[in-house]
C-alpha atoms as a PDB file:
ATOM      1  CA  MET A   1     -25.261  33.175 135.336  1.00  0.00           C
ATOM      2  CA  ALA A   2     -29.060  33.276 134.995  1.00  0.00           C
ATOM      3  CA  ASN A   3     -31.007  36.521 134.397  1.00  0.00           C
ATOM      4  CA  VAL A   4     -27.939  38.702 134.137  1.00  0.00           C
ATOM      5  CA  THR A   5     -28.732  42.384 134.711  1.00  0.00           C
ATOM      6  CA  MET A   6     -26.975  45.661 134.004  1.00  0.00           C
ATOM      7  CA  ARG A   7     -26.323  45.887 137.748  1.00  0.00           C
ATOM      8  CA  ASP A   8     -24.345  42.611 137.592  1.00  0.00           C
ATOM      9  CA  ILE A   9     -22.172  43.992 134.794  1.00  0.00           C
ATOM     10  CA  ALA A  10     -21.677  47.295 136.610  1.00  0.00           C
ATOM     11  CA  GLU A  11     -20.669  45.604 139.854  1.00  0.00           C
ATOM     12  CA  ASN A  12     -18.206  43.286 138.092  1.00  0.00           C
ATOM     13  CA  LEU A  13     -16.507  46.216 136.383  1.00  0.00           C
ATOM     14  CA  GLY A  14     -16.801  48.643 139.291  1.00  0.00           C
ATOM     15  CA  ILE A  15     -18.694  51.275 137.277  1.00  0.00           C
ATOM     16  CA  SER A  16     -22.165  52.837 137.358  1.00  0.00           C
ATOM     17  CA  ILE A  17     -25.303  51.246 135.926  1.00  0.00           C
ATOM     18  CA  VAL A  18     -25.781  54.422 133.854  1.00  0.00           C
ATOM     19  CA  SER A  19     -22.463  53.806 132.083  1.00  0.00           C
ATOM     20  CA  VAL A  20     -23.448  50.209 131.331  1.00  0.00           C
ATOM     21  CA  SER A  21     -26.813  51.327 129.971  1.00  0.00           C
ATOM     22  CA  LYS A  22     -25.234  53.944 127.696  1.00  0.00           C
ATOM     23  CA  ALA A  23     -22.689  51.452 126.387  1.00  0.00           C
ATOM     24  CA  LEU A  24     -25.227  48.722 125.603  1.00  0.00           C
ATOM     25  CA  THR A  25     -27.779  51.070 124.003  1.00  0.00           C
ATOM     26  CA  GLY A  26     -25.262  52.849 121.788  1.00  0.00           C
ATOM     27  CA  LYS A  27     -25.675  56.219 123.492  1.00  0.00           C
ATOM     28  CA  ALA A  28     -22.999  58.853 123.967  1.00  0.00           C
ATOM     29  CA  GLY A  29     -21.373  59.442 127.327  1.00  0.00           C
ATOM     30  CA  VAL A  30     -18.841  56.610 127.496  1.00  0.00           C
ATOM     31  CA  SER A  31     -15.530  56.172 125.699  1.00  0.00           C
ATOM     32  CA  GLU A  32     -15.248  53.592 122.934  1.00  0.00           C
ATOM     33  CA  GLU A  33     -12.676  51.735 125.026  1.00  0.00           C
ATOM     34  CA  LEU A  34     -15.079  51.465 127.969  1.00  0.00           C
ATOM     35  CA  ARG A  35     -17.998  50.613 125.676  1.00  0.00           C
ATOM     36  CA  GLU A  36     -16.048  47.694 124.230  1.00  0.00           C
ATOM     37  CA  LYS A  37     -15.026  46.539 127.711  1.00  0.00           C
ATOM     38  CA  ILE A  38     -18.658  46.606 128.884  1.00  0.00           C
ATOM     39  CA  LYS A  39     -19.869  44.685 125.819  1.00  0.00           C
ATOM     40  CA  LYS A  40     -17.225  41.998 126.322  1.00  0.00           C
ATOM     41  CA  GLU A  41     -18.229  41.596 129.962  1.00  0.00           C
ATOM     42  CA  ALA A  42     -21.896  41.449 128.975  1.00  0.00           C
ATOM     43  CA  ASP A  43     -21.116  38.696 126.455  1.00  0.00           C
ATOM     44  CA  ARG A  44     -19.040  36.796 128.999  1.00  0.00           C
ATOM     45  CA  LEU A  45     -21.863  36.858 131.529  1.00  0.00           C
ATOM     46  CA  GLY A  46     -24.483  35.922 128.925  1.00  0.00           C
ATOM     47  CA  TYR A  47     -26.426  39.187 129.188  1.00  0.00           C
ATOM     48  CA  ARG A  48     -29.315  39.551 126.723  1.00  0.00           C
ATOM     49  CA  TYR A  49     -30.492  43.059 125.947  1.00  0.00           C
ATOM     50  CA  ASN A  50     -34.222  43.687 125.522  1.00  0.00           C
ATOM     51  CA  PHE A  51     -34.260  44.692 121.859  1.00  0.00           C
ATOM     52  CA  GLY A  52     -38.051  44.626 121.789  1.00  0.00           C
ATOM     53  CA  ALA A  53     -38.248  47.491 124.270  1.00  0.00           C
ATOM     54  CA  LYS A  54     -35.476  49.312 122.442  1.00  0.00           C
ATOM     55  CA  GLY A  55     -37.298  48.867 119.147  1.00  0.00           C
ATOM     56  CA  LEU A  56     -40.593  50.194 120.520  1.00  0.00           C
ATOM     57  CA  LYS A  57     -38.835  53.270 121.862  1.00  0.00           C
ATOM     58  CA  GLU A  58     -37.028  53.972 118.567  1.00  0.00           C
ATOM     59  CA  GLY A  59     -39.790  52.854 116.208  1.00  0.00           C
ATOM     60  CA  LYS A  60     -37.739  49.965 114.792  1.00  0.00           C
ATOM     61  CA  ASN A  61     -38.065  46.186 114.684  1.00  0.00           C
ATOM     62  CA  TYR A  62     -34.315  45.525 114.618  1.00  0.00           C
ATOM     63  CA  ASN A  63     -34.952  42.807 112.017  1.00  0.00           C
ATOM     64  CA  VAL A  64     -33.425  42.570 108.534  1.00  0.00           C
ATOM     65  CA  GLY A  65     -34.886  40.120 106.036  1.00  0.00           C
ATOM     66  CA  VAL A  66     -32.562  38.145 103.762  1.00  0.00           C
ATOM     67  CA  ILE A  67     -34.229  36.804 100.607  1.00  0.00           C
ATOM     68  CA  ILE A  68     -32.474  34.166  98.479  1.00  0.00           C
ATOM     69  CA  PRO A  69     -33.977  32.573  95.333  1.00  0.00           C
ATOM     70  CA  SER A  70     -34.513  28.878  96.046  1.00  0.00           C
ATOM     71  CA  TYR A  71     -32.924  27.829  92.737  1.00  0.00           C
ATOM     72  CA  TYR A  72     -29.592  29.063  94.113  1.00  0.00           C
ATOM     73  CA  THR A  73     -29.858  26.710  97.095  1.00  0.00           C
ATOM     74  CA  ASP A  74     -30.442  23.422  95.276  1.00  0.00           C
ATOM     75  CA  ASP A  75     -27.928  20.606  95.724  1.00  0.00           C
ATOM     76  CA  THR A  76     -24.426  21.888  96.565  1.00  0.00           C
ATOM     77  CA  SER A  77     -24.757  25.313  94.934  1.00  0.00           C
ATOM     78  CA  ASN A  78     -26.058  26.746  98.197  1.00  0.00           C
ATOM     79  CA  ALA A  79     -22.566  26.883  99.705  1.00  0.00           C
ATOM     80  CA  PHE A  80     -21.730  30.343  98.334  1.00  0.00           C
ATOM     81  CA  TYR A  81     -24.923  32.016  99.528  1.00  0.00           C
ATOM     82  CA  VAL A  82     -24.956  30.178 102.848  1.00  0.00           C
ATOM     83  CA  LYS A  83     -21.528  31.626 103.594  1.00  0.00           C
ATOM     84  CA  MET A  84     -22.662  35.071 102.436  1.00  0.00           C
ATOM     85  CA  TYR A  85     -25.730  34.856 104.690  1.00  0.00           C
ATOM     86  CA  GLN A  86     -23.573  33.847 107.656  1.00  0.00           C
ATOM     87  CA  CYS A  87     -21.257  36.804 107.082  1.00  0.00           C
ATOM     88  CA  VAL A  88     -24.177  39.222 106.792  1.00  0.00           C
ATOM     89  CA  ALA A  89     -25.818  37.862 109.969  1.00  0.00           C
ATOM     90  CA  LYS A  90     -22.543  38.225 111.861  1.00  0.00           C
ATOM     91  CA  CYS A  91     -22.108  41.830 110.690  1.00  0.00           C
ATOM     92  CA  LEU A  92     -25.679  42.765 111.626  1.00  0.00           C
ATOM     93  CA  THR A  93     -25.366  41.408 115.163  1.00  0.00           C
ATOM     94  CA  ASN A  94     -22.671  44.029 115.754  1.00  0.00           C
ATOM     95  CA  TYR A  95     -25.415  46.625 115.294  1.00  0.00           C
ATOM     96  CA  ASP A  96     -28.055  44.771 117.364  1.00  0.00           C
ATOM     97  CA  TYR A  97     -29.990  43.588 114.290  1.00  0.00           C
ATOM     98  CA  ALA A  98     -31.353  40.070 113.881  1.00  0.00           C
ATOM     99  CA  THR A  99     -31.634  38.397 110.464  1.00  0.00           C
ATOM    100  CA  MET A 100     -34.666  36.558 109.126  1.00  0.00           C
ATOM    101  CA  LEU A 101     -34.049  34.262 106.149  1.00  0.00           C
ATOM    102  CA  GLU A 102     -36.607  33.234 103.541  1.00  0.00           C
ATOM    103  CA  LEU A 103     -36.242  31.426 100.218  1.00  0.00           C
ATOM    104  CA  ALA A 104     -38.206  32.754  97.235  1.00  0.00           C
ATOM    105  CA  ASP A 105     -39.148  29.784  95.062  1.00  0.00           C
ATOM    106  CA  THR A 106     -40.222  29.879  91.419  1.00  0.00           C
ATOM    107  CA  ARG A 107     -43.923  29.698  92.306  1.00  0.00           C
ATOM    108  CA  MET A 108     -43.670  32.727  94.595  1.00  0.00           C
ATOM    109  CA  GLN A 109     -41.995  34.724  91.859  1.00  0.00           C
ATOM    110  CA  GLU A 110     -44.425  33.666  89.132  1.00  0.00           C
ATOM    111  CA  MET A 111     -47.497  34.398  91.292  1.00  0.00           C
ATOM    112  CA  MET A 112     -46.009  37.551  92.835  1.00  0.00           C
ATOM    113  CA  ILE A 113     -46.325  36.214  96.398  1.00  0.00           C
ATOM    114  CA  LEU A 114     -44.348  38.272  98.879  1.00  0.00           C
ATOM    115  CA  PRO A 115     -42.179  36.434 101.433  1.00  0.00           C
ATOM    116  CA  GLN A 116     -43.992  35.899 104.733  1.00  0.00           C
ATOM    117  CA  ILE A 117     -41.439  37.940 106.632  1.00  0.00           C
ATOM    118  CA  VAL A 118     -42.269  40.920 104.396  1.00  0.00           C
ATOM    119  CA  ASP A 119     -46.026  40.472 104.706  1.00  0.00           C
ATOM    120  CA  ASP A 120     -45.762  40.344 108.502  1.00  0.00           C
ATOM    121  CA  ASN A 121     -44.374  43.897 108.655  1.00  0.00           C
ATOM    122  CA  ARG A 122     -41.562  42.822 110.951  1.00  0.00           C
ATOM    123  CA  LEU A 123     -38.649  44.152 108.905  1.00  0.00           C
ATOM    124  CA  ASP A 124     -36.695  47.394 108.890  1.00  0.00           C
ATOM    125  CA  GLY A 125     -34.973  46.495 105.625  1.00  0.00           C
ATOM    126  CA  MET A 126     -34.097  43.700 103.199  1.00  0.00           C
ATOM    127  CA  ILE A 127     -30.972  42.190 101.664  1.00  0.00           C
ATOM    128  CA  LEU A 128     -31.537  40.264  98.430  1.00  0.00           C
ATOM    129  CA  MET A 129     -28.845  37.680  97.620  1.00  0.00           C
ATOM    130  CA  GLY A 130     -28.764  36.340  94.086  1.00  0.00           C
ATOM    131  CA  GLU A 131     -30.717  37.670  91.137  1.00  0.00           C
ATOM    132  CA  LEU A 132     -34.515  37.356  91.118  1.00  0.00           C
ATOM    133  CA  ASP A 133     -36.929  37.937  88.236  1.00  0.00           C
ATOM    134  CA  GLU A 134     -37.186  41.637  87.389  1.00  0.00           C
ATOM    135  CA  SER A 135     -40.963  41.754  87.861  1.00  0.00           C
ATOM    136  CA  TYR A 136     -40.586  40.218  91.321  1.00  0.00           C
ATOM    137  CA  LEU A 137     -37.859  42.693  92.222  1.00  0.00           C
ATOM    138  CA  GLU A 138     -40.261  45.481  91.314  1.00  0.00           C
ATOM    139  CA  LYS A 139     -42.891  43.902  93.574  1.00  0.00           C
ATOM    140  CA  LEU A 140     -40.389  43.931  96.451  1.00  0.00           C
ATOM    141  CA  ARG A 141     -39.391  47.531  95.714  1.00  0.00           C
ATOM    142  CA  GLN A 142     -43.051  48.564  95.958  1.00  0.00           C
ATOM    143  CA  THR A 143     -42.989  47.658  99.663  1.00  0.00           C
ATOM    144  CA  ASN A 144     -40.814  50.782 100.121  1.00  0.00           C
ATOM    145  CA  LEU A 145     -38.575  48.896 102.514  1.00  0.00           C
ATOM    146  CA  PRO A 146     -34.902  49.915 102.314  1.00  0.00           C
ATOM    147  CA  MET A 147     -33.068  47.156 100.459  1.00  0.00           C
ATOM    148  CA  ILE A 148     -29.675  46.118  99.167  1.00  0.00           C
ATOM    149  CA  TYR A 149     -28.845  43.827  96.248  1.00  0.00           C
ATOM    150  CA  MET A 150     -25.913  41.496  96.883  1.00  0.00           C
ATOM    151  CA  ASP A 151     -24.017  39.662  94.134  1.00  0.00           C
ATOM    152  CA  PHE A 152     -25.993  41.480  91.441  1.00  0.00           C
ATOM    153  CA  TYR A 153     -26.963  45.047  90.582  1.00  0.00           C
ATOM    154  CA  ASP A 154     -29.651  47.202  89.048  1.00  0.00           C
ATOM    155  CA  LEU A 155     -28.690  48.585  85.640  1.00  0.00           C
ATOM    156  CA  SER A 156     -30.992  51.563  86.225  1.00  0.00           C
ATOM    157  CA  MET A 157     -29.218  52.287  89.546  1.00  0.00           C
ATOM    158  CA  GLU A 158     -32.478  52.506  91.515  1.00  0.00           C
ATOM    159  CA  THR A 159     -31.295  50.218  94.322  1.00  0.00           C
ATOM    160  CA  ASP A 160     -28.069  50.069  96.348  1.00  0.00           C
ATOM    161  CA  SER A 161     -25.900  47.056  95.518  1.00  0.00           C
ATOM    162  CA  VAL A 162     -22.661  45.258  96.296  1.00  0.00           C
ATOM    163  CA  SER A 163     -21.076  42.955  93.743  1.00  0.00           C
ATOM    164  CA  MET A 164     -17.774  41.554  92.578  1.00  0.00           C
ATOM    165  CA  ASP A 165     -15.642  43.303  89.991  1.00  0.00           C
ATOM    166  CA  ASN A 166     -16.546  40.473  87.647  1.00  0.00           C
ATOM    167  CA  ILE A 167     -15.367  42.067  84.415  1.00  0.00           C
ATOM    168  CA  SER A 168     -11.865  42.785  85.685  1.00  0.00           C
ATOM    169  CA  ALA A 169     -11.523  39.409  87.432  1.00  0.00           C
ATOM    170  CA  GLU A 170     -12.515  37.345  84.385  1.00  0.00           C
ATOM    171  CA  TYR A 171     -10.371  39.518  82.138  1.00  0.00           C
ATOM    172  CA  LYS A 172      -7.359  38.685  84.309  1.00  0.00           C
ATOM    173  CA  MET A 173      -8.248  34.991  84.354  1.00  0.00           C
ATOM    174  CA  THR A 174      -8.519  34.867  80.548  1.00  0.00           C
ATOM    175  CA  GLU A 175      -5.301  36.868  80.249  1.00  0.00           C
ATOM    176  CA  TYR A 176      -3.594  34.304  82.493  1.00  0.00           C
ATOM    177  CA  LEU A 177      -4.665  31.476  80.161  1.00  0.00           C
ATOM    178  CA  ILE A 178      -3.477  33.439  77.132  1.00  0.00           C
ATOM    179  CA  GLY A 179      -0.142  33.817  78.887  1.00  0.00           C
ATOM    180  CA  LEU A 180       0.038  30.026  79.081  1.00  0.00           C
ATOM    181  CA  GLY A 181      -0.252  29.898  75.291  1.00  0.00           C
ATOM    182  CA  HIS A 182      -3.984  29.199  74.981  1.00  0.00           C
ATOM    183  CA  LYS A 183      -5.867  30.711  72.053  1.00  0.00           C
ATOM    184  CA  LYS A 184      -8.792  28.294  71.764  1.00  0.00           C
ATOM    185  CA  ILE A 185     -10.557  29.450  74.912  1.00  0.00           C
ATOM    186  CA  ALA A 186     -14.266  28.820  75.532  1.00  0.00           C
ATOM    187  CA  TYR A 187     -16.603  30.477  78.031  1.00  0.00           C
ATOM    188  CA  VAL A 188     -19.085  28.377  80.019  1.00  0.00           C
ATOM    189  CA  GLY A 189     -22.121  30.310  81.246  1.00  0.00           C
ATOM    190  CA  SER A 190     -25.632  31.345  80.230  1.00  0.00           C
ATOM    191  CA  ILE A 191     -25.056  35.064  79.858  1.00  0.00           C
ATOM    192  CA  ASP A 192     -28.734  36.050  80.074  1.00  0.00           C
ATOM    193  CA  ALA A 193     -29.194  34.309  83.445  1.00  0.00           C
ATOM    194  CA  THR A 194     -27.592  36.918  85.726  1.00  0.00           C
ATOM    195  CA  THR A 195     -25.671  40.185  85.543  1.00  0.00           C
ATOM    196  CA  SER A 196     -22.687  38.439  87.179  1.00  0.00           C
ATOM    197  CA  ILE A 197     -22.450  35.806  84.444  1.00  0.00           C
ATOM    198  CA  MET A 198     -22.812  38.481  81.764  1.00  0.00           C
ATOM    199  CA  ASP A 199     -20.097  40.662  83.310  1.00  0.00           C
ATOM    200  CA  ARG A 200     -17.700  37.720  83.583  1.00  0.00           C
ATOM    201  CA  TYR A 201     -18.376  36.953  79.930  1.00  0.00           C
ATOM    202  CA  LEU A 202     -17.614  40.593  79.032  1.00  0.00           C
ATOM    203  CA  GLY A 203     -14.288  40.321  80.848  1.00  0.00           C
ATOM    204  CA  TYR A 204     -13.482  37.166  78.862  1.00  0.00           C
ATOM    205  CA  ARG A 205     -14.432  38.883  75.571  1.00  0.00           C
ATOM    206  CA  ARG A 206     -12.415  41.958  76.425  1.00  0.00           C
ATOM    207  CA  ALA A 207      -9.272  39.858  76.992  1.00  0.00           C
ATOM    208  CA  LEU A 208      -9.736  38.041  73.684  1.00  0.00           C
ATOM    209  CA  HIS A 209     -10.143  41.371  71.903  1.00  0.00           C
ATOM    210  CA  HIS A 210      -7.113  42.921  73.600  1.00  0.00           C
ATOM    211  CA  TYR A 211      -4.861  40.035  72.541  1.00  0.00           C
ATOM    212  CA  ASN A 212      -6.309  39.823  68.995  1.00  0.00           C
ATOM    213  CA  ILE A 213      -7.800  36.379  69.487  1.00  0.00           C
ATOM    214  CA  PRO A 214     -10.899  35.860  67.287  1.00  0.00           C
ATOM    215  CA  TYR A 215     -14.150  35.213  69.148  1.00  0.00           C
ATOM    216  CA  ARG A 216     -16.024  32.039  68.197  1.00  0.00           C
ATOM    217  CA  GLU A 217     -19.777  31.684  68.689  1.00  0.00           C
ATOM    218  CA  ASP A 218     -19.436  27.927  69.215  1.00  0.00           C
ATOM    219  CA  TYR A 219     -17.157  28.637  72.175  1.00  0.00           C
ATOM    220  CA  LEU A 220     -20.006  30.157  74.211  1.00  0.00           C
ATOM    221  CA  ILE A 221     -21.453  27.186  76.110  1.00  0.00           C
ATOM    222  CA  GLU A 222     -24.807  27.438  77.915  1.00  0.00           C
ATOM    223  CA  ASP A 223     -24.813  25.954  81.416  1.00  0.00           C
ATOM    224  CA  ARG A 224     -28.390  26.498  82.666  1.00  0.00           C
ATOM    225  CA  GLY A 225     -31.953  26.572  81.417  1.00  0.00           C
ATOM    226  CA  ALA A 226     -34.825  29.035  81.770  1.00  0.00           C
ATOM    227  CA  ASP A 227     -35.343  27.746  85.332  1.00  0.00           C
ATOM    228  CA  ARG A 228     -31.724  28.806  86.086  1.00  0.00           C
ATOM    229  CA  LEU A 229     -30.807  25.237  87.045  1.00  0.00           C
ATOM    230  CA  PHE A 230     -27.763  23.540  85.526  1.00  0.00           C
ATOM    231  CA  LYS A 231     -28.287  21.566  82.338  1.00  0.00           C
ATOM    232  CA  GLU A 232     -26.165  19.127  80.343  1.00  0.00           C
ATOM    233  CA  LEU A 233     -23.150  20.833  78.803  1.00  0.00           C
ATOM    234  CA  VAL A 234     -22.893  20.551  75.013  1.00  0.00           C
ATOM    235  CA  LEU A 235     -19.263  20.884  73.989  1.00  0.00           C
ATOM    236  CA  PRO A 236     -18.067  22.041  70.529  1.00  0.00           C
ATOM    237  CA  GLU A 237     -16.685  19.566  68.007  1.00  0.00           C
ATOM    238  CA  ASP A 238     -13.457  21.553  67.707  1.00  0.00           C
ATOM    239  CA  MET A 239     -12.426  21.151  71.333  1.00  0.00           C
ATOM    240  CA  PRO A 240     -10.964  24.232  73.077  1.00  0.00           C
ATOM    241  CA  THR A 241      -7.670  23.939  74.922  1.00  0.00           C
ATOM    242  CA  ALA A 242      -9.085  25.942  77.860  1.00  0.00           C
ATOM    243  CA  PHE A 243     -12.477  26.678  79.424  1.00  0.00           C
ATOM    244  CA  VAL A 244     -13.317  29.768  81.478  1.00  0.00           C
ATOM    245  CA  CYS A 245     -16.283  28.830  83.695  1.00  0.00           C
ATOM    246  CA  ASN A 246     -18.585  31.317  85.401  1.00  0.00           C
ATOM    247  CA  ASN A 247     -18.418  29.516  88.771  1.00  0.00           C
ATOM    248  CA  ASP A 248     -16.633  26.711  90.583  1.00  0.00           C
ATOM    249  CA  GLU A 249     -19.459  24.205  90.520  1.00  0.00           C
ATOM    250  CA  ILE A 250     -19.942  24.209  86.752  1.00  0.00           C
ATOM    251  CA  ALA A 251     -16.139  24.031  86.379  1.00  0.00           C
ATOM    252  CA  CYS A 252     -16.129  20.847  88.491  1.00  0.00           C
ATOM    253  CA  ILE A 253     -19.020  19.395  86.484  1.00  0.00           C
ATOM    254  CA  LEU A 254     -17.102  20.153  83.273  1.00  0.00           C
ATOM    255  CA  ILE A 255     -13.917  18.508  84.580  1.00  0.00           C
ATOM    256  CA  GLU A 256     -15.877  15.334  85.406  1.00  0.00           C
ATOM    257  CA  LYS A 257     -17.361  15.348  81.897  1.00  0.00           C
ATOM    258  CA  LEU A 258     -13.982  15.887  80.230  1.00  0.00           C
ATOM    259  CA  GLU A 259     -12.392  13.073  82.223  1.00  0.00           C
ATOM    260  CA  LYS A 260     -15.187  10.701  81.206  1.00  0.00           C
ATOM    261  CA  MET A 261     -14.485  11.667  77.590  1.00  0.00           C
ATOM    262  CA  GLY A 262     -10.842  10.681  78.047  1.00  0.00           C
ATOM    263  CA  TYR A 263      -9.285  14.127  78.423  1.00  0.00           C
ATOM    264  CA  ARG A 264      -6.784  14.938  81.155  1.00  0.00           C
ATOM    265  CA  VAL A 265      -6.984  18.182  83.143  1.00  0.00           C
ATOM    266  CA  PRO A 266      -4.705  20.130  82.851  1.00  0.00           C
ATOM    267  CA  GLU A 267      -2.445  18.033  80.611  1.00  0.00           C
ATOM    268  CA  ASP A 268      -4.877  18.186  77.667  1.00  0.00           C
ATOM    269  CA  ILE A 269      -7.334  20.901  78.639  1.00  0.00           C
ATOM    270  CA  SER A 270      -7.232  23.683  81.244  1.00  0.00           C
ATOM    271  CA  VAL A 271     -10.329  24.656  83.266  1.00  0.00           C
ATOM    272  CA  THR A 272     -10.919  27.665  85.523  1.00  0.00           C
ATOM    273  CA  GLY A 273     -13.714  28.504  87.952  1.00  0.00           C
ATOM    274  CA  PHE A 274     -14.958  31.495  89.918  1.00  0.00           C
ATOM    275  CA  ASP A 275     -15.797  31.958  93.663  1.00  0.00           C
ATOM    276  CA  ASN A 276     -13.032  29.910  95.332  1.00  0.00           C
ATOM    277  CA  TYR A 277     -15.311  27.687  97.347  1.00  0.00           C
ATOM    278  CA  PRO A 278     -13.267  24.444  97.538  1.00  0.00           C
ATOM    279  CA  PHE A 279     -15.865  22.425  99.478  1.00  0.00           C
ATOM    280  CA  ILE A 280     -18.487  22.621  96.759  1.00  0.00           C
ATOM    281  CA  ARG A 281     -17.403  19.347  95.087  1.00  0.00           C
ATOM    282  CA  ARG A 282     -14.787  16.671  95.535  1.00  0.00           C
ATOM    283  CA  ASN A 283     -12.523  17.938  92.740  1.00  0.00           C
ATOM    284  CA  ALA A 284     -12.784  21.659  93.584  1.00  0.00           C
ATOM    285  CA  SER A 285      -9.703  21.799  95.818  1.00  0.00           C
ATOM    286  CA  GLY A 286      -7.361  21.738  92.812  1.00  0.00           C
ATOM    287  CA  LEU A 287      -9.292  24.285  90.767  1.00  0.00           C
ATOM    288  CA  THR A 288      -7.738  27.491  89.457  1.00  0.00           C
ATOM    289  CA  THR A 289     -10.326  30.121  90.313  1.00  0.00           C
ATOM    290  CA  VAL A 290     -11.114  33.686  91.343  1.00  0.00           C
ATOM    291  CA  ASP A 291     -11.300  34.287  95.067  1.00  0.00           C
ATOM    292  CA  VAL A 292     -14.397  36.253  96.090  1.00  0.00           C
ATOM    293  CA  ASP A 293     -14.106  38.177  99.364  1.00  0.00           C
ATOM    294  CA  ILE A 294     -17.545  37.273 100.712  1.00  0.00           C
ATOM    295  CA  ALA A 295     -16.842  38.792 104.122  1.00  0.00           C
ATOM    296  CA  MET A 296     -15.983  42.137 102.515  1.00  0.00           C
ATOM    297  CA  MET A 297     -19.124  42.013 100.364  1.00  0.00           C
ATOM    298  CA  ALA A 298     -21.208  41.333 103.475  1.00  0.00           C
ATOM    299  CA  SER A 299     -19.585  44.189 105.380  1.00  0.00           C
ATOM    300  CA  GLU A 300     -20.137  46.621 102.503  1.00  0.00           C
ATOM    301  CA  GLY A 301     -23.756  45.511 102.080  1.00  0.00           C
ATOM    302  CA  VAL A 302     -24.585  45.918 105.773  1.00  0.00           C
ATOM    303  CA  GLU A 303     -22.916  49.343 105.812  1.00  0.00           C
ATOM    304  CA  LEU A 304     -25.027  50.498 102.847  1.00  0.00           C
ATOM    305  CA  LEU A 305     -28.232  49.230 104.430  1.00  0.00           C
ATOM    306  CA  LEU A 306     -27.507  50.903 107.762  1.00  0.00           C
ATOM    307  CA  GLU A 307     -26.735  54.172 105.980  1.00  0.00           C
ATOM    308  CA  ARG A 308     -30.144  54.031 104.336  1.00  0.00           C
ATOM    309  CA  LEU A 309     -31.898  53.041 107.565  1.00  0.00           C
ATOM    310  CA  ASN A 310     -30.238  55.668 109.739  1.00  0.00           C
ATOM    311  CA  GLU A 311     -29.545  58.555 107.393  1.00  0.00           C
ATOM    312  CA  LYS A 312     -32.421  58.218 104.918  1.00  0.00           C
ATOM    313  CA  ARG A 313     -29.947  58.671 102.063  1.00  0.00           C
ATOM    314  CA  GLU A 314     -31.526  59.810  98.792  1.00  0.00           C
ATOM    315  CA  THR A 315     -28.896  58.714  96.272  1.00  0.00           C
ATOM    316  CA  PHE A 316     -28.210  55.111  95.250  1.00  0.00           C
ATOM    317  CA  VAL A 317     -24.783  53.519  95.475  1.00  0.00           C
ATOM    318  CA  ARG A 318     -23.108  50.560  93.780  1.00  0.00           C
ATOM    319  CA  ARG A 319     -20.030  49.184  95.508  1.00  0.00           C
ATOM    320  CA  VAL A 320     -17.640  46.808  93.766  1.00  0.00           C
ATOM    321  CA  VAL A 321     -15.341  44.403  95.587  1.00  0.00           C
ATOM    322  CA  SER A 322     -12.137  43.207  93.915  1.00  0.00           C
ATOM    323  CA  GLY A 323     -11.093  39.563  93.679  1.00  0.00           C
ATOM    324  CA  HIS A 324      -7.836  37.812  92.887  1.00  0.00           C
ATOM    325  CA  ILE A 325      -6.777  34.740  90.937  1.00  0.00           C
ATOM    326  CA  VAL A 326      -5.869  31.588  92.850  1.00  0.00           C
ATOM    327  CA  ILE A 327      -3.700  29.342  90.676  1.00  0.00           C
ATOM    328  CA  ARG A 328      -3.979  25.612  91.323  1.00  0.00           C
ATOM    329  CA  GLU A 329      -3.621  22.341  89.396  1.00  0.00           C
ATOM    330  CA  SER A 330      -6.465  22.641  86.849  1.00  0.00           C
ATOM    331  CA  THR A 331      -4.520  24.891  84.459  1.00  0.00           C
ATOM    332  CA  GLY A 332      -1.317  24.430  82.505  1.00  0.00           C
ATOM    333  CA  LYS A 333       0.522  25.435  79.370  1.00  0.00           C
ATOM    334  CA  VAL A 334      -1.129  24.657  76.077  1.00  0.00           C
ATOM    335  CA  VAL A 335      -0.081  21.401  74.431  1.00  0.00           C
ATOM    336  CA  GLU A 336       1.259  22.062  70.950  1.00  0.00           C
ATOM    337  CA  PRO A 337      -0.173  19.713  68.288  1.00  0.00           C
END
């Protein structure tokens, strides 16, 4: 049906135009049951509400900017943040907000160039996915736009954030490997790259400490350079029997490297990942990993942003979402020499 109006919806449902208007503009005066019924009928008919007029009346743009560092979208590593963006966009549409995506590349961060969507003054708030340089984050904060960090957090607690319970999840993963008899366990991740990688490392260290397994400096393996892109993995001479990797993609890269070196996974060496995104590489479907509830993170992030937009909340909040271990074929009991 072309050019669907509120009158069309009202006539179809046998109710007044006033009731339809209240339901579609979020005003009081109709029950939640009727509001949902009206929205479903509006969707079925293809009705499009004039958010521009609504925004002018309320002093809002009804736009939320999503900023993702471009180095997290190179090659196949974009899968995690693409899914997170999709979940956030879906959540925001439930509140009549549109999303505007922009990638912040290294040049923009080095030269302190704001994203175009920020410069255009079209946003009510921002969601930042993936850790940016601290100086650039400060530049974004100076815009005074309400913002949420997703998948990382501010140690000074000056910005709302939603992240995984990385410490607990990686502790449990390392504990699982210890339960399989592994004691020579390495961690793969550049711990200064992001707060998530550091927290996962802390969980790994905590498990080693709890089970009285000595920590070895040569078992901390860097996986990315100063540009935050993956680099060649340099493995220790005394090969570990298990590797705890900070994400699924680097775990898959490691498995390919080990197989080329003649090792079998998991018969000779166990490997674990983090994120549970099986489509990231060919060999990811058999990877023991930590499942990240991206949909829950998105829901929590949108809720925090809307609280700040609508209630002008003064305090800052950090929300943590739990994950769980998914056991697959990449891990097994340690092979006794």
